[in-house]
C-alpha atoms as a PDB file:
ATOM      1  CA  MET A   1      15.432 -21.992  19.141  1.00  0.00           C
ATOM      2  CA  ASN A   2      16.612 -19.126  16.890  1.00  0.00           C
ATOM      3  CA  THR A   3      15.136 -15.626  16.651  1.00  0.00           C
ATOM      4  CA  TYR A   4      14.297 -13.926  13.305  1.00  0.00           C
ATOM      5  CA  ASN A   5      12.945 -10.559  12.132  1.00  0.00           C
ATOM      6  CA  VAL A   6      10.491 -11.440   9.414  1.00  0.00           C
ATOM      7  CA  VAL A   7       9.882  -9.025   6.531  1.00  0.00           C
ATOM      8  CA  VAL A   8       6.170  -8.428   5.876  1.00  0.00           C
ATOM      9  CA  SER A   9       5.271  -6.049   3.025  1.00  0.00           C
ATOM     10  CA  VAL A  10       1.728  -4.575   2.914  1.00  0.00           C
ATOM     11  CA  SER A  11       0.292  -3.030  -0.214  1.00  0.00           C
ATOM     12  CA  THR A  12      -2.306  -0.277   0.014  1.00  0.00           C
ATOM     13  CA  THR A  13      -3.317   2.918  -1.670  1.00  0.00           C
ATOM     14  CA  VAL A  14      -4.492   6.396  -0.681  1.00  0.00           C
ATOM     15  CA  CYS A  15      -6.693   8.770  -2.721  1.00  0.00           C
ATOM     16  CA  ILE A  16      -5.383  12.326  -3.184  1.00  0.00           C
ATOM     17  CA  ASP A  17      -6.144  15.222  -5.528  1.00  0.00           C
ATOM     18  CA  ALA A  18      -3.075  16.316  -7.531  1.00  0.00           C
ATOM     19  CA  GLU A  19      -2.014  17.824 -10.890  1.00  0.00           C
ATOM     20  CA  SER A  20      -0.034  14.772 -12.023  1.00  0.00           C
ATOM     21  CA  PRO A  21       1.159  11.372 -10.767  1.00  0.00           C
ATOM     22  CA  ASP A  22       4.471  12.894  -9.666  1.00  0.00           C
ATOM     23  CA  ASP A  23       2.544  15.590  -7.843  1.00  0.00           C
ATOM     24  CA  ALA A  24       0.367  13.030  -6.057  1.00  0.00           C
ATOM     25  CA  ILE A  25       3.507  11.083  -4.951  1.00  0.00           C
ATOM     26  CA  GLU A  26       5.101  14.268  -3.667  1.00  0.00           C
ATOM     27  CA  LYS A  27       1.901  15.336  -1.794  1.00  0.00           C
ATOM     28  CA  VAL A  28       1.689  11.998  -0.056  1.00  0.00           C
ATOM     29  CA  SER A  29       5.389  11.862   0.776  1.00  0.00           C
ATOM     30  CA  GLN A  30       5.305  15.338   2.178  1.00  0.00           C
ATOM     31  CA  ALA A  31       2.213  14.644   4.304  1.00  0.00           C
ATOM     32  CA  LEU A  32       3.752  11.547   5.774  1.00  0.00           C
ATOM     33  CA  ASN A  33       7.190  13.216   6.341  1.00  0.00           C
ATOM     34  CA  ASN A  34       5.357  16.084   8.110  1.00  0.00           C
ATOM     35  CA  GLY A  35       3.293  13.726  10.333  1.00  0.00           C
ATOM     36  CA  ASP A  36      -0.049  14.738   8.746  1.00  0.00           C
ATOM     37  CA  VAL A  37      -2.635  13.068  11.087  1.00  0.00           C
ATOM     38  CA  ASN A  38      -5.320  12.737   8.423  1.00  0.00           C
ATOM     39  CA  MET A  39      -2.985  11.066   5.949  1.00  0.00           C
ATOM     40  CA  SER A  40      -1.547   8.725   8.607  1.00  0.00           C
ATOM     41  CA  THR A  41      -5.088   7.825   9.726  1.00  0.00           C
ATOM     42  CA  ASP A  42      -6.175   7.129   6.135  1.00  0.00           C
ATOM     43  CA  ILE A  43      -3.169   4.911   5.515  1.00  0.00           C
ATOM     44  CA  ALA A  44      -3.524   3.082   8.810  1.00  0.00           C
ATOM     45  CA  ASN A  45      -7.136   2.257   8.025  1.00  0.00           C
ATOM     46  CA  ASN A  46      -6.147   1.168   4.535  1.00  0.00           C
ATOM     47  CA  ILE A  47      -3.356  -0.994   5.911  1.00  0.00           C
ATOM     48  CA  GLY A  48      -5.946  -2.710   8.256  1.00  0.00           C
ATOM     49  CA  TYR A  49      -8.204  -3.452   5.271  1.00  0.00           C
ATOM     50  CA  SER A  50      -5.205  -4.801   3.264  1.00  0.00           C
ATOM     51  CA  MET A  51      -4.100  -7.136   6.028  1.00  0.00           C
ATOM     52  CA  ARG A  52      -7.689  -8.488   6.447  1.00  0.00           C
ATOM     53  CA  ASN A  53      -7.899  -9.110   2.688  1.00  0.00           C
ATOM     54  CA  GLY A  54      -4.508 -10.741   2.139  1.00  0.00           C
ATOM     55  CA  HIS A  55      -2.707  -7.801   0.457  1.00  0.00           C
ATOM     56  CA  TYR A  56       0.560  -8.652   2.063  1.00  0.00           C
ATOM     57  CA  GLU A  57       3.643 -10.723   1.301  1.00  0.00           C
ATOM     58  CA  VAL A  58       6.049 -12.401   3.706  1.00  0.00           C
ATOM     59  CA  THR A  59       9.402 -12.312   1.995  1.00  0.00           C
ATOM     60  CA  ASP A  60      12.445 -12.859   4.297  1.00  0.00           C
ATOM     61  CA  ALA A  61      13.592 -13.896   7.680  1.00  0.00           C
ATOM     62  CA  ILE A  62      16.681 -12.213   8.987  1.00  0.00           C
ATOM     63  CA  PRO A  63      18.557 -13.999  11.809  1.00  0.00           C
ATOM     64  CA  MET A  64      18.802 -11.783  15.016  1.00  0.00           C
ATOM     65  CA  ASP A  65      21.523 -11.829  17.611  1.00  0.00           C
ATOM     66  CA  GLU A  66      19.020 -11.120  20.464  1.00  0.00           C
ATOM     67  CA  ASP A  67      15.469 -11.992  21.313  1.00  0.00           C
ATOM     68  CA  CYS A  68      12.848  -9.902  19.429  1.00  0.00           C
ATOM     69  CA  ASP A  69      11.075  -9.117  22.689  1.00  0.00           C
ATOM     70  CA  GLU A  70      13.525  -6.391  23.481  1.00  0.00           C
ATOM     71  CA  ASP A  71      12.538  -4.360  20.317  1.00  0.00           C
ATOM     72  CA  SER A  72       8.917  -5.455  19.884  1.00  0.00           C
ATOM     73  CA  ASP A  73       5.616  -4.800  21.534  1.00  0.00           C
ATOM     74  CA  ASN A  74       4.389  -8.227  20.464  1.00  0.00           C
ATOM     75  CA  GLU A  75       2.630  -9.591  23.537  1.00  0.00           C
ATOM     76  CA  GLU A  76       2.315 -13.069  21.988  1.00  0.00           C
ATOM     77  CA  ASN A  77       6.099 -13.540  22.372  1.00  0.00           C
ATOM     78  CA  ASP A  78       5.911 -12.499  26.022  1.00  0.00           C
ATOM     79  CA  GLU A  79       3.098 -15.001  26.774  1.00  0.00           C
ATOM     80  CA  SER A  80       4.808 -17.906  25.034  1.00  0.00           C
ATOM     81  CA  GLU A  81       7.931 -17.590  27.302  1.00  0.00           C
ATOM     82  CA  GLU A  82       6.056 -17.837  30.594  1.00  0.00           C
END
């Protein structure tokens, strides 16, 4: 059996007060780059909602040289190999 990294893109939004669209993008980018806990929590909650409601797309499978278990915390892979 071959091993693949599968690309899953999740779409979500976050609400922020700003002067313009560019300002809003900059504020969110800065918050994420600076490890802002509130912004990260909001986005994590929104990603959960997006996953439950099908706001994702599976787009690619990249062949891997090694088993994914070495780089992943996916317990499902661990259980299937026992």
